[in-house]
Amino acid sequence: MNATLYKLGTKPLTDEEMKTTIDVWTYQFKDYPSEVVKRAFLAANRVCVYPITVADIFKQLSQNIDLDAEWVALADAAHRAQKYISWRTCPMVTGIDEKGGLLRSDGTGELKALFDGLPPAAKSYVGSVGGLEELARMPDLTYRRVEFLKQSREDITTAPREAARLRCGPEPARLEAANA
């Protein structure tokens, strides 16, 4: 698209250069729905003075994240994790097996499921199930919210992917070479 939109600023690419360009852009956006990448490209087109780069598109993707909603999800997970942590000292009866015996849980599986369900930026912030436990043990999360927001805005690996997921659902469509 850059070559089409900015013909005066580019020389025609050879087949090898075109293939390399397509390969790089496809690799960079392989986890994102093609429609989201197109919209981010067009949004970057409104603000960029020079031809659009991969970084310009990532910047557009990351600007549309609702980090406050992600913090609420993380804080809620930390509060729910407190319950599962307490099961370590007194295992919870979670059901009955086929022989009529009690099924007990020490909360380990529930904590793992809770961590796995976190949005990518929240998961990146806490780092592991242990990080979620540490957050759950804190009496006041106020200062951690500021730290989370700062890290999430700077983290290019999770922010654009989360923005794409929030816009288009959990299943990314692969970026086709024709859309690059």
Protein backbone atom coordinates (compact mmCIF):
# COMPACT_ATOMS: atom_id res chain seq x y z
CA MET A 1 0.00 0.00 0.00
CA ASN A 2 2.86 2.36 0.74
CA ALA A 3 4.19 1.93 -2.79
CA THR A 4 0.73 2.56 -4.24
CA LEU A 5 -0.04 5.58 -2.07
CA TYR A 6 3.40 7.16 -2.21
CA LYS A 7 4.56 6.48 -5.77
CA LEU A 8 6.63 9.64 -5.96
CA GLY A 9 8.63 8.66 -2.90
CA THR A 10 9.51 5.12 -3.92
CA LYS A 11 11.28 3.32 -6.68
CA PRO A 12 9.70 0.20 -8.13
CA LEU A 13 10.64 -2.86 -6.09
CA THR A 14 12.22 -5.90 -7.65
CA ASP A 15 10.44 -9.22 -7.19
CA GLU A 16 12.95 -10.22 -4.50
CA GLU A 17 12.50 -6.92 -2.61
CA MET A 18 8.71 -7.26 -2.82
CA LYS A 19 8.90 -10.84 -1.50
CA THR A 20 11.12 -9.77 1.40
CA THR A 21 8.81 -6.88 2.26
CA ILE A 22 5.74 -9.12 2.20
CA ASP A 23 7.51 -11.77 4.30
CA VAL A 24 8.53 -9.25 6.96
CA TRP A 25 5.11 -7.60 7.20
CA THR A 26 3.37 -10.99 7.24
CA TYR A 27 5.66 -12.18 10.04
CA GLN A 28 5.11 -9.02 12.10
CA PHE A 29 1.31 -9.18 11.83
CA LYS A 30 0.75 -12.95 11.69
CA ASP A 31 -1.18 -12.96 14.98
CA TYR A 32 -3.53 -10.13 14.03
CA PRO A 33 -6.74 -10.15 12.02
CA SER A 34 -6.06 -8.65 8.59
CA GLU A 35 -9.01 -6.26 8.95
CA VAL A 36 -7.53 -4.82 12.17
CA VAL A 37 -4.14 -4.32 10.50
CA LYS A 38 -5.83 -2.57 7.56
CA ARG A 39 -7.70 -0.23 9.90
CA ALA A 40 -4.52 0.51 11.84
CA PHE A 41 -2.69 1.21 8.57
CA LEU A 42 -5.42 3.65 7.50
CA ALA A 43 -5.40 5.30 10.94
CA ALA A 44 -1.60 5.68 10.71
CA ASN A 45 -2.09 7.15 7.26
CA ARG A 46 -3.96 10.07 8.88
CA VAL A 47 -1.10 11.02 11.18
CA CYS A 48 2.13 9.89 9.55
CA VAL A 49 4.05 12.33 7.39
CA TYR A 50 6.23 9.64 5.81
CA PRO A 51 5.27 6.23 4.41
CA ILE A 52 3.84 3.97 7.11
CA THR A 53 6.14 1.52 8.89
CA VAL A 54 5.40 -1.55 10.99
CA ALA A 55 6.04 0.54 14.12
CA ASP A 56 3.41 3.09 13.03
CA ILE A 57 0.82 0.32 12.76
CA PHE A 58 1.74 -1.13 16.16
CA LYS A 59 1.41 2.35 17.65
CA GLN A 60 -2.11 2.67 16.23
CA LEU A 61 -3.06 -0.77 17.52
CA SER A 62 -1.86 -0.03 21.04
CA GLN A 63 -3.63 3.33 21.33
CA ASN A 64 -7.07 1.73 21.38
CA ILE A 65 -6.75 -0.50 24.44
CA ASP A 66 -8.98 0.05 27.44
CA LEU A 67 -6.30 -0.41 30.09
CA ASP A 68 -8.68 0.52 32.89
CA ALA A 69 -10.89 -2.44 31.95
CA GLU A 70 -7.83 -4.67 31.95
CA TRP A 71 -6.83 -3.42 35.39
CA VAL A 72 -10.34 -4.16 36.69
CA ALA A 73 -10.03 -7.71 35.29
CA LEU A 74 -6.63 -8.13 36.97
CA ALA A 75 -7.78 -6.70 40.32
CA ASP A 76 -10.87 -8.94 40.22
CA ALA A 77 -8.66 -11.97 39.50
CA ALA A 78 -6.40 -11.03 42.44
CA HIS A 79 -9.39 -10.86 44.78
CA ARG A 80 -10.72 -14.23 43.55
CA ALA A 81 -7.21 -15.70 43.91
CA GLN A 82 -7.36 -14.97 47.64
CA LYS A 83 -10.11 -17.58 47.98
CA TYR A 84 -8.10 -20.22 46.11
CA ILE A 85 -4.96 -19.46 48.14
CA SER A 86 -6.93 -20.11 51.35
CA TRP A 87 -7.75 -23.63 50.06
CA ARG A 88 -4.11 -24.60 50.64
CA THR A 89 -4.59 -24.69 54.39
CA CYS A 90 -8.09 -26.16 54.23
CA PRO A 91 -8.77 -27.94 50.91
CA MET A 92 -12.18 -27.25 49.43
CA VAL A 93 -14.60 -30.03 48.55
CA THR A 94 -15.34 -29.45 44.86
CA GLY A 95 -17.44 -32.49 44.05
CA ILE A 96 -18.04 -36.18 44.37
CA ASP A 97 -16.24 -38.84 42.34
CA GLU A 98 -17.90 -41.83 40.68
CA LYS A 99 -17.41 -43.99 43.81
CA GLY A 100 -19.06 -41.46 46.09
CA GLY A 101 -15.81 -40.09 47.50
CA LEU A 102 -15.16 -36.42 47.97
CA LEU A 103 -13.07 -34.51 45.44
CA ARG A 104 -10.89 -31.92 47.12
CA SER A 105 -8.86 -29.08 45.68
CA ASP A 106 -5.99 -27.10 47.13
CA GLY A 107 -6.73 -24.28 44.67
CA THR A 108 -3.70 -24.88 42.42
CA GLY A 109 -5.74 -25.75 39.33
CA GLU A 110 -8.16 -22.90 39.94
CA LEU A 111 -5.30 -20.41 40.27
CA LYS A 112 -3.77 -21.67 37.01
CA ALA A 113 -7.14 -21.32 35.21
CA LEU A 114 -7.55 -17.83 36.67
CA PHE A 115 -4.08 -16.83 35.41
CA ASP A 116 -4.72 -18.38 31.98
CA GLY A 117 -7.92 -16.34 31.66
CA LEU A 118 -6.21 -12.99 32.20
CA PRO A 119 -5.92 -10.54 29.29
CA PRO A 120 -2.42 -10.53 27.73
CA ALA A 121 -1.33 -7.22 29.27
CA ALA A 122 -2.40 -8.39 32.74
CA LYS A 123 -0.72 -11.75 32.22
CA SER A 124 2.48 -10.02 31.13
CA TYR A 125 2.37 -7.76 34.19
CA VAL A 126 2.03 -10.53 36.79
CA GLY A 127 4.23 -12.93 34.81
CA SER A 128 3.08 -16.21 36.34
CA VAL A 129 0.63 -17.82 38.71
CA GLY A 130 3.08 -16.91 41.50
CA GLY A 131 2.90 -13.26 40.45
CA LEU A 132 -0.88 -13.38 40.62
CA GLU A 133 -0.61 -14.91 44.11
CA GLU A 134 1.77 -12.13 45.16
CA LEU A 135 -0.69 -9.52 43.89
CA ALA A 136 -3.54 -11.27 45.74
CA ARG A 137 -1.60 -11.11 49.01
CA MET A 138 -1.16 -7.33 48.81
CA PRO A 139 -3.47 -5.40 51.15
CA ASP A 140 -3.75 -2.40 48.82
CA LEU A 141 -3.47 -2.51 45.03
CA THR A 142 -3.58 1.26 44.48
CA TYR A 143 0.09 1.82 43.68
CA ARG A 144 0.25 -1.40 41.65
CA ARG A 145 -2.44 0.02 39.31
CA VAL A 146 -0.17 2.91 38.32
CA GLU A 147 2.71 0.48 37.77
CA PHE A 148 0.45 -1.78 35.65
CA LEU A 149 -0.78 1.10 33.48
CA LYS A 150 2.75 2.37 32.88
CA GLN A 151 4.10 -1.07 31.93
CA SER A 152 1.11 -1.92 29.74
CA ARG A 153 1.41 1.30 27.72
CA GLU A 154 5.08 0.59 27.06
CA ASP A 155 4.76 -3.15 26.33
CA ILE A 156 4.55 -3.47 22.55
CA THR A 157 4.34 -7.28 22.69
CA THR A 158 1.00 -7.46 24.51
CA ALA A 159 -0.71 -4.15 23.87
CA PRO A 160 -1.37 -4.40 20.12
CA ARG A 161 -2.34 -8.07 20.34
CA GLU A 162 -4.82 -7.29 23.11
CA ALA A 163 -6.26 -4.39 21.12
CA ALA A 164 -6.81 -6.72 18.16
CA ARG A 165 -8.39 -9.37 20.39
CA LEU A 166 -10.75 -6.85 21.95
CA ARG A 167 -11.85 -5.60 18.55
CA CYS A 168 -12.26 -8.85 16.65
CA GLY A 169 -12.66 -11.67 19.15
CA PRO A 170 -10.27 -14.41 20.19
CA GLU A 171 -9.56 -16.03 16.79
CA PRO A 172 -7.11 -14.04 14.63
CA ALA A 173 -7.39 -14.43 10.90
CA ARG A 174 -4.00 -14.68 9.27
CA LEU A 175 -2.76 -11.65 7.40
CA GLU A 176 -2.71 -12.43 3.72
CA ALA A 177 0.22 -11.30 1.59
CA ALA A 178 -2.15 -9.33 -0.64
CA ASN A 179 -3.15 -7.18 2.33
CA ALA A 180 0.43 -6.31 3.33
